[in-house]
Amino acid sequence: MRIVFVATVLVLSAAIAVAVEGMDWAYPPTPKGKGPPDKEKMLTVPGSKRQYTAAQIGDGFNPPDWFPDEHPPMPAAVATGRPPAYRACALCHLPTGGGHPESANIAGLPVRYLIRAMEEYKNDNRVGLRATTMIEIAKAMTDEEIRISSEYYAALKPQSRQKVVESATAPKSFVGGGGMRYAEPEGGTEPIGSRIIIIPDSAEGAQRRNPKSNFVAYVPPGSIANGMQLAAGTAGKTVACGICHGPTLKGLGEVPGIAGRDPTYTFRQLYDMQQGRRKGDAIALMTAVVEKLTIDDMIALSAYAASLEP
């Protein structure tokens, strides 16, 4: 039986509400539910010797670390944060930096880029439905905590956590815990339209914040080829991505790599920049990139970048 979640969404302005109307696939509201029926039951994930309760898995100040031997020791800035507002980075971005569809995959991004992103949150240069939590956290962090956490994630190996599949249909889905989409228990499909639908390989793995649990990103047919043409600048609608992000889109200097990153996250960045929800000196370089792009163009670019090796 499906649980129906009722979401309370913080809307910063009427303009933002209009901009994301009908786009909950990219800006999923986090539902408010009752949570697991037994929060004290010990839970596991394949390959890990550790056990956590559901309450521990959702602990914003000491989230789970299922595979501690597979990454460098986490500094407190990443592992625990600091109450009341500065939740641990590892809660959403995971100890491996791979994140989930609702949060950024930040493993291997340049230190300076990560620090600058946090500065932009602090300075209100990033706004919108998906920025609210990060604004709160960034403003609660010291410059030293930002530096330490940025250096930790920058040192990790970039990883791709999704398989991109072109399809005219996608599994029927709903937004559940953590702001992630899950396949309807009764199954079924629906037209994908102009959307990217990301479903976890294992709903249980995603809910338990297993960094080895991956996802399938369903995108409209032709997205990857269209995205490749747009990224090369040959479609005449945008600037070649490789000029700044490098020939393989794996980054160049302080410019972040976008290859293999979550496609809904990449879409949100493009759309937010186009809508003026991201500001700052670095965004000026992206103005010519995004100004002529349609929703379908941004979906195609995001799908193409996600299909590449990081």
Protein backbone atom coordinates (compact mmCIF):
# COMPACT_ATOMS: atom_id res chain seq x y z
CA MET A 1 0.00 0.00 0.00
CA ARG A 2 1.46 3.33 -1.01
CA ILE A 3 1.99 5.94 1.66
CA VAL A 4 0.73 9.32 0.58
CA PHE A 5 3.07 12.05 1.70
CA VAL A 6 2.00 15.61 2.30
CA ALA A 7 4.76 18.09 1.51
CA THR A 8 5.20 21.52 2.92
CA VAL A 9 7.40 23.49 0.52
CA LEU A 10 9.22 26.67 1.42
CA VAL A 11 8.67 29.09 -1.48
CA LEU A 12 10.98 32.08 -1.46
CA SER A 13 9.00 34.15 -3.94
CA ALA A 14 6.06 33.95 -6.33
CA ALA A 15 8.49 34.05 -9.25
CA ILE A 16 10.28 30.94 -8.02
CA ALA A 17 6.97 29.14 -7.53
CA VAL A 18 5.96 29.84 -11.12
CA ALA A 19 9.40 28.88 -12.44
CA VAL A 20 9.31 25.38 -11.01
CA GLU A 21 5.61 24.67 -11.49
CA GLY A 22 5.20 21.24 -13.06
CA MET A 23 8.90 20.48 -12.54
CA ASP A 24 8.83 18.40 -9.38
CA TRP A 25 10.96 15.84 -11.22
CA ALA A 26 13.85 18.33 -10.96
CA TYR A 27 12.82 20.08 -7.74
CA PRO A 28 11.19 17.33 -5.67
CA PRO A 29 9.54 18.61 -2.48
CA THR A 30 10.63 16.70 0.59
CA PRO A 31 7.51 15.00 1.96
CA LYS A 32 6.64 14.89 5.62
CA GLY A 33 5.88 11.34 6.64
CA LYS A 34 5.75 9.35 9.85
CA GLY A 35 9.04 7.61 9.07
CA PRO A 36 9.83 3.94 9.58
CA PRO A 37 7.47 2.06 11.93
CA ASP A 38 10.40 0.72 14.00
CA LYS A 39 13.19 3.27 14.26
CA GLU A 40 15.20 1.08 16.65
CA LYS A 41 15.42 -2.01 14.43
CA MET A 42 19.03 -2.74 13.43
CA LEU A 43 19.54 -2.42 9.68
CA THR A 44 22.32 -3.54 7.34
CA VAL A 45 23.50 -3.15 3.75
CA PRO A 46 25.24 -5.80 1.60
CA GLY A 47 28.98 -6.04 2.15
CA SER A 48 29.11 -3.98 5.33
CA LYS A 49 29.68 -5.32 8.83
CA ARG A 50 28.09 -2.27 10.39
CA GLN A 51 24.53 -1.94 11.67
CA TYR A 52 22.47 1.18 12.24
CA THR A 53 18.91 1.92 13.27
CA ALA A 54 16.68 4.05 11.07
CA ALA A 55 17.03 6.83 13.64
CA GLN A 56 20.83 6.66 13.35
CA ILE A 57 20.67 6.63 9.55
CA GLY A 58 18.72 9.88 9.65
CA ASP A 59 20.90 11.51 12.31
CA GLY A 60 22.02 14.84 10.86
CA PHE A 61 24.96 15.05 13.24
CA ASN A 62 26.31 11.50 13.05
CA PRO A 63 25.09 9.84 9.83
CA PRO A 64 26.06 6.29 8.87
CA ASP A 65 29.44 5.30 7.49
CA TRP A 66 28.86 1.84 6.04
CA PHE A 67 32.33 1.37 4.54
CA PRO A 68 34.84 3.34 6.64
CA ASP A 69 37.83 1.46 5.19
CA GLU A 70 37.03 2.57 1.64
CA HIS A 71 37.64 6.30 2.07
CA PRO A 72 40.05 8.54 4.02
CA PRO A 73 39.22 9.31 7.66
CA MET A 74 36.48 11.92 7.76
CA PRO A 75 37.17 15.17 9.60
CA ALA A 76 34.51 16.30 12.07
CA ALA A 77 33.53 19.00 9.56
CA VAL A 78 32.26 16.19 7.30
CA ALA A 79 31.32 13.44 9.75
CA THR A 80 29.34 15.25 12.44
CA GLY A 81 28.88 18.93 11.65
CA ARG A 82 27.85 21.10 14.56
CA PRO A 83 24.36 21.58 16.05
CA PRO A 84 21.97 23.19 15.67
CA ALA A 85 22.13 24.26 12.01
CA TYR A 86 25.34 22.80 10.59
CA ARG A 87 24.38 19.26 9.68
CA ALA A 88 27.12 16.81 8.70
CA CYS A 89 28.14 16.98 5.05
CA ALA A 90 28.13 13.15 4.98
CA LEU A 91 24.39 13.06 5.67
CA CYS A 92 23.47 14.09 2.13
CA HIS A 93 26.73 13.94 0.17
CA LEU A 94 27.73 10.66 1.88
CA PRO A 95 31.25 9.85 3.10
CA THR A 96 32.21 9.05 -0.50
CA GLY A 97 30.92 12.33 -1.94
CA GLY A 98 28.60 10.49 -4.34
CA GLY A 99 25.44 12.05 -2.96
CA HIS A 100 21.91 11.22 -4.08
CA PRO A 101 19.73 12.69 -6.86
CA GLU A 102 18.44 15.33 -4.46
CA SER A 103 21.97 16.40 -3.46
CA ALA A 104 25.16 17.06 -5.37
CA ASN A 105 27.76 14.47 -6.30
CA ILE A 106 30.81 16.47 -5.15
CA ALA A 107 33.60 13.87 -5.08
CA GLY A 108 36.69 15.16 -6.87
CA LEU A 109 35.47 18.71 -7.46
CA PRO A 110 38.17 21.41 -7.16
CA VAL A 111 38.79 22.78 -3.67
CA ARG A 112 38.42 26.37 -4.79
CA TYR A 113 35.16 25.61 -6.59
CA LEU A 114 33.68 23.98 -3.47
CA ILE A 115 34.79 26.86 -1.26
CA ARG A 116 33.37 29.39 -3.71
CA ALA A 117 30.04 27.53 -3.82
CA MET A 118 29.77 27.71 -0.03
CA GLU A 119 30.65 31.41 -0.12
CA GLU A 120 27.86 31.95 -2.64
CA TYR A 121 25.37 30.24 -0.34
CA LYS A 122 26.58 32.41 2.54
CA ASN A 123 26.23 35.57 0.47
CA ASP A 124 22.73 34.67 -0.81
CA ASN A 125 24.02 34.33 -4.37
CA ARG A 126 22.26 30.98 -4.64
CA VAL A 127 18.56 30.88 -3.91
CA GLY A 128 15.59 28.66 -4.69
CA LEU A 129 13.75 25.63 -3.41
CA ARG A 130 16.77 23.33 -3.40
CA ALA A 131 19.17 25.93 -1.96
CA THR A 132 17.37 26.60 1.33
CA THR A 133 19.08 23.88 3.35
CA MET A 134 22.55 24.69 2.03
CA ILE A 135 22.12 28.39 2.78
CA GLU A 136 21.33 27.53 6.40
CA ILE A 137 24.30 25.17 6.70
CA ALA A 138 26.80 27.46 4.95
CA LYS A 139 25.93 30.40 7.17
CA ALA A 140 26.51 28.24 10.25
CA MET A 141 29.96 27.04 9.11
CA THR A 142 33.26 28.78 9.82
CA ASP A 143 35.71 29.47 6.99
CA GLU A 144 37.98 26.76 8.44
CA GLU A 145 35.19 24.18 8.43
CA ILE A 146 34.39 25.03 4.83
CA ARG A 147 38.06 24.66 3.87
CA ILE A 148 38.48 21.33 5.66
CA SER A 149 35.32 19.78 4.21
CA SER A 150 36.16 21.07 0.71
CA GLU A 151 39.65 19.57 0.86
CA TYR A 152 38.24 16.22 2.00
CA TYR A 153 35.75 15.90 -0.86
CA ALA A 154 38.13 17.30 -3.48
CA ALA A 155 40.61 14.52 -2.66
CA LEU A 156 38.08 11.74 -3.38
CA LYS A 157 37.86 9.92 -6.68
CA PRO A 158 34.97 11.14 -8.87
CA GLN A 159 32.26 8.55 -9.36
CA SER A 160 29.12 8.06 -11.39
CA ARG A 161 26.14 6.64 -9.55
CA GLN A 162 23.63 6.39 -12.38
CA LYS A 163 23.04 4.54 -15.62
CA VAL A 164 21.43 6.77 -18.25
CA VAL A 165 18.65 5.05 -20.19
CA GLU A 166 16.80 6.65 -23.11
CA SER A 167 13.14 5.68 -23.07
CA ALA A 168 9.77 7.08 -24.13
CA THR A 169 8.37 5.85 -20.83
CA ALA A 170 9.56 5.77 -17.24
CA PRO A 171 8.38 3.77 -14.22
CA LYS A 172 5.47 5.32 -12.39
CA SER A 173 6.98 6.91 -9.34
CA PHE A 174 6.41 9.06 -6.28
CA VAL A 175 8.57 11.32 -4.14
CA GLY A 176 9.42 9.65 -0.85
CA GLY A 177 11.81 10.08 2.04
CA GLY A 178 14.83 12.26 1.42
CA GLY A 179 13.19 13.95 -1.55
CA MET A 180 14.02 10.97 -3.79
CA ARG A 181 11.77 9.26 -6.31
CA TYR A 182 10.81 5.64 -5.88
CA ALA A 183 9.01 3.28 -8.25
CA GLU A 184 5.36 2.71 -7.42
CA PRO A 185 4.98 -0.62 -5.58
CA GLU A 186 2.25 -1.71 -7.99
CA GLY A 187 4.52 -1.07 -10.99
CA GLY A 188 3.47 0.45 -14.29
CA THR A 189 4.95 3.05 -16.61
CA GLU A 190 4.04 6.52 -17.85
CA PRO A 191 5.20 8.78 -20.71
CA ILE A 192 8.43 10.49 -19.81
CA GLY A 193 7.67 13.74 -21.64
CA SER A 194 10.21 16.50 -21.01
CA ARG A 195 11.57 15.07 -17.78
CA ILE A 196 14.43 13.13 -16.25
CA ILE A 197 13.16 10.42 -13.91
CA ILE A 198 15.71 8.84 -11.57
CA ILE A 199 14.84 5.64 -9.71
CA PRO A 200 17.17 3.80 -7.31
CA ASP A 201 18.27 0.27 -8.14
CA SER A 202 17.34 -0.52 -4.56
CA ALA A 203 14.85 1.62 -2.66
CA GLU A 204 16.15 0.08 0.55
CA GLY A 205 19.74 0.94 -0.36
CA ALA A 206 18.87 4.54 -1.12
CA GLN A 207 16.86 4.93 2.08
CA ARG A 208 19.74 3.51 4.13
CA ARG A 209 22.24 5.89 2.49
CA ASN A 210 24.30 3.06 1.06
CA PRO A 211 27.02 4.68 -1.10
CA LYS A 212 27.14 1.53 -3.25
CA SER A 213 23.44 1.74 -4.13
CA ASN A 214 23.07 3.21 -7.61
CA PHE A 215 20.32 4.67 -9.79
CA VAL A 216 18.78 4.54 -13.26
CA ALA A 217 18.22 7.89 -14.95
CA TYR A 218 15.47 7.69 -17.58
CA VAL A 219 15.73 10.42 -20.23
CA PRO A 220 13.76 11.14 -23.43
CA PRO A 221 14.84 9.30 -26.60
CA GLY A 222 17.60 11.10 -28.49
CA SER A 223 18.75 13.05 -25.44
CA ILE A 224 22.35 11.86 -25.44
CA ALA A 225 22.96 12.57 -29.15
CA ASN A 226 21.23 15.95 -28.89
CA GLY A 227 23.22 16.76 -25.79
CA MET A 228 26.49 15.83 -27.49
CA GLN A 229 25.71 18.25 -30.33
CA LEU A 230 24.79 21.03 -27.93
CA ALA A 231 27.88 20.41 -25.78
CA ALA A 232 30.08 20.70 -28.86
CA GLY A 233 28.50 24.05 -29.73
CA THR A 234 27.55 22.83 -33.21
CA ALA A 235 23.82 23.38 -32.67
CA GLY A 236 24.40 27.13 -32.58
CA LYS A 237 22.41 27.61 -29.38
CA THR A 238 25.17 27.60 -26.82
CA VAL A 239 28.92 27.74 -26.27
CA ALA A 240 31.01 24.56 -26.44
CA CYS A 241 31.17 23.15 -22.90
CA GLY A 242 34.73 21.89 -23.38
CA ILE A 243 36.14 25.41 -23.55
CA CYS A 244 35.80 25.76 -19.79
CA HIS A 245 35.06 22.25 -18.50
CA GLY A 246 37.82 20.56 -20.52
CA PRO A 247 37.68 18.43 -23.69
CA THR A 248 36.23 15.42 -21.81
CA LEU A 249 34.11 17.58 -19.45
CA LYS A 250 36.12 16.34 -16.46
CA GLY A 251 37.02 19.84 -15.36
CA LEU A 252 39.82 22.30 -16.01
CA GLY A 253 41.62 24.08 -13.20
CA GLU A 254 39.03 25.55 -10.85
CA VAL A 255 36.19 24.79 -13.27
CA PRO A 256 34.25 21.71 -12.08
CA GLY A 257 33.97 18.47 -13.95
CA ILE A 258 30.42 17.75 -15.09
CA ALA A 259 30.99 14.31 -16.64
CA GLY A 260 29.20 11.51 -14.82
CA ARG A 261 27.38 13.82 -12.41
CA ASP A 262 23.72 13.39 -11.54
CA PRO A 263 21.63 14.71 -14.48
CA THR A 264 18.86 16.29 -12.40
CA TYR A 265 21.48 18.20 -10.40
CA THR A 266 23.13 19.43 -13.62
CA PHE A 267 19.73 20.42 -14.99
CA ARG A 268 18.94 22.42 -11.86
CA GLN A 269 22.20 24.33 -12.16
CA LEU A 270 21.56 25.25 -15.80
CA TYR A 271 17.95 26.21 -15.13
CA ASP A 272 18.72 28.16 -11.97
CA MET A 273 21.43 30.13 -13.77
CA GLN A 274 19.04 30.91 -16.61
CA GLN A 275 16.38 32.03 -14.14
CA GLY A 276 18.80 34.26 -12.20
CA ARG A 277 18.80 32.13 -9.06
CA ARG A 278 22.57 31.78 -9.15
CA LYS A 279 24.75 34.87 -9.11
CA GLY A 280 28.39 35.76 -8.54
CA ASP A 281 31.42 36.50 -10.68
CA ALA A 282 31.75 32.94 -12.04
CA ILE A 283 28.14 32.88 -13.26
CA ALA A 284 28.82 35.72 -15.70
CA LEU A 285 30.75 33.20 -17.82
CA MET A 286 27.66 30.97 -18.03
CA THR A 287 25.25 33.66 -19.23
CA ALA A 288 25.90 33.06 -22.91
CA VAL A 289 25.74 29.30 -22.33
CA VAL A 290 22.24 29.17 -20.87
CA GLU A 291 20.34 32.16 -22.26
CA LYS A 292 19.02 30.43 -25.42
CA LEU A 293 18.51 26.94 -24.03
CA THR A 294 15.05 25.37 -23.81
CA ILE A 295 14.00 22.88 -21.15
CA ASP A 296 14.58 20.05 -23.62
CA ASP A 297 18.05 21.41 -24.43
CA MET A 298 19.00 21.45 -20.76
CA ILE A 299 17.65 17.93 -20.30
CA ALA A 300 19.73 16.77 -23.29
CA LEU A 301 22.91 18.44 -22.05
CA SER A 302 22.42 17.00 -18.58
CA ALA A 303 21.77 13.49 -19.94
CA TYR A 304 24.83 13.61 -22.20
CA ALA A 305 27.14 14.80 -19.42
CA ALA A 306 25.75 12.14 -17.05
CA SER A 307 26.42 9.39 -19.62
CA LEU A 308 30.18 10.12 -19.62
CA GLU A 309 32.86 8.62 -17.41
CA PRO A 310 33.72 11.07 -14.59
